[in-house]
Amino acid sequence: MYLSVGSAVMSPMIFEKSLSMAQNIARQEGRSISSHFILVVDLAESSWNWERDGEPPPDNPAYYLRYCKSFARMGGTMRYMKADNRDFFLSLLHAL
C-alpha cells in the first residue's frame, strides 16, 4: 500500500518509479503486477473518465491533472474522487 497526502507532482513520480522497479523484479521471477488500484482524492471536480476516454485533450481542464496522467499510464485501475483529505481519512478510519 502506498499512501500520499498533498503531493500532486512528486508523489506520482515516486509511485511510478516504485511500481516500475517492483514490476521489473516480478518479471525476473516470472510473475507480473497488473491488477493494482489507485484512488486519487482531490478537492477539484473532475468528470473525465480516464479509463474509458484515455487522456483528455488540452482544452479540457482534466488535461492538467498531471498525477492522473501519470497514474493512468501505469495501467491497473484508477478512480478519481472529489473529497477533502480530512473527511476522506476519517471515513477510511471508520471503515477499517
Protein backbone atom coordinates (compact mmCIF):
# COMPACT_ATOMS: atom_id res chain seq x y z
CA MET A 1 0.00 0.00 0.00
CA TYR A 2 1.25 3.44 -0.93
CA LEU A 3 -0.38 6.47 0.65
CA SER A 4 0.43 10.02 -0.37
CA VAL A 5 -1.21 13.14 1.01
CA GLY A 6 -0.94 16.55 -0.61
CA SER A 7 1.59 15.86 -3.35
CA ALA A 8 0.38 16.26 -6.93
CA VAL A 9 3.81 16.28 -8.59
CA MET A 10 6.44 14.33 -6.63
CA SER A 11 4.14 11.56 -5.45
CA PRO A 12 3.15 10.27 -8.90
CA MET A 13 6.80 10.23 -9.95
CA ILE A 14 7.85 8.31 -6.82
CA PHE A 15 4.98 5.86 -7.15
CA GLU A 16 5.64 5.36 -10.87
CA LYS A 17 9.33 4.58 -10.23
CA SER A 18 8.46 2.24 -7.33
CA LEU A 19 5.90 0.35 -9.39
CA SER A 20 8.35 0.09 -12.29
CA MET A 21 11.03 -1.37 -10.02
CA ALA A 22 8.57 -3.85 -8.49
CA GLN A 23 7.39 -4.90 -11.96
CA ASN A 24 10.98 -5.46 -13.09
CA ILE A 25 11.68 -7.69 -10.07
CA ALA A 26 8.43 -9.59 -10.63
CA ARG A 27 9.34 -10.19 -14.31
CA GLN A 28 12.72 -11.59 -13.30
CA GLU A 29 10.83 -14.09 -11.13
CA GLY A 30 8.38 -14.96 -13.93
CA ARG A 31 5.50 -13.03 -12.36
CA SER A 32 3.69 -9.80 -13.25
CA ILE A 33 1.99 -6.95 -11.42
CA SER A 34 -1.05 -5.83 -13.34
CA SER A 35 -4.02 -5.55 -11.01
CA HIS A 36 -3.04 -2.54 -8.92
CA PHE A 37 -5.63 0.03 -7.84
CA ILE A 38 -5.06 3.76 -7.49
CA LEU A 39 -7.54 6.13 -5.83
CA VAL A 40 -6.93 9.84 -6.38
CA VAL A 41 -8.66 12.02 -3.78
CA ASP A 42 -8.67 15.73 -4.60
CA LEU A 43 -10.67 18.87 -3.86
CA ALA A 44 -11.07 19.69 -7.54
CA GLU A 45 -14.06 18.48 -9.52
CA SER A 46 -13.28 16.16 -12.44
CA SER A 47 -15.75 14.38 -14.67
CA TRP A 48 -13.22 12.94 -17.15
CA ASN A 49 -13.27 9.15 -17.46
CA TRP A 50 -9.59 8.28 -17.84
CA GLU A 51 -10.25 4.55 -18.18
CA ARG A 52 -12.84 4.88 -20.95
CA ASP A 53 -11.63 8.01 -22.76
CA GLY A 54 -7.85 7.96 -22.24
CA GLU A 55 -6.04 11.26 -21.83
CA PRO A 56 -8.16 14.39 -22.27
CA PRO A 57 -7.42 16.98 -24.97
CA PRO A 58 -5.50 20.14 -23.95
CA ASP A 59 -8.71 22.22 -23.97
CA ASN A 60 -10.18 20.12 -21.14
CA PRO A 61 -9.22 21.15 -17.55
CA ALA A 62 -8.59 17.47 -16.68
CA TYR A 63 -5.63 17.56 -19.08
CA TYR A 64 -3.73 19.50 -16.42
CA LEU A 65 -4.27 16.92 -13.67
CA ARG A 66 -0.68 15.74 -14.05
CA TYR A 67 -0.92 13.00 -11.44
CA CYS A 68 -3.93 11.46 -13.20
CA LYS A 69 -1.95 11.38 -16.44
CA SER A 70 0.92 9.58 -14.70
CA PHE A 71 -1.33 7.11 -12.89
CA ALA A 72 -3.45 6.38 -15.96
CA ARG A 73 -0.31 5.48 -17.94
CA MET A 74 0.72 2.92 -15.31
CA GLY A 75 -2.14 0.56 -16.12
CA GLY A 76 -4.23 -1.05 -13.42
CA THR A 77 -7.38 0.69 -12.24
CA MET A 78 -7.54 4.37 -11.34
CA ARG A 79 -10.51 6.12 -9.75
CA TYR A 80 -10.90 9.82 -9.02
CA MET A 81 -12.88 11.06 -6.04
CA LYS A 82 -13.61 14.64 -5.00
CA ALA A 83 -13.24 14.98 -1.24
CA ASP A 84 -11.42 16.87 1.47
CA ASN A 85 -8.48 14.81 2.78
CA ARG A 86 -9.67 15.14 6.37
CA ASP A 87 -13.12 13.79 5.51
CA PHE A 88 -11.66 11.01 3.38
CA PHE A 89 -9.27 9.83 6.11
CA LEU A 90 -11.96 9.92 8.78
CA SER A 91 -14.23 7.82 6.55
CA LEU A 92 -11.37 5.41 5.81
CA LEU A 93 -10.59 5.09 9.52
CA HIS A 94 -14.21 4.32 10.37
CA ALA A 95 -14.45 1.80 7.51
CA LEU A 96 -11.33 0.00 8.71
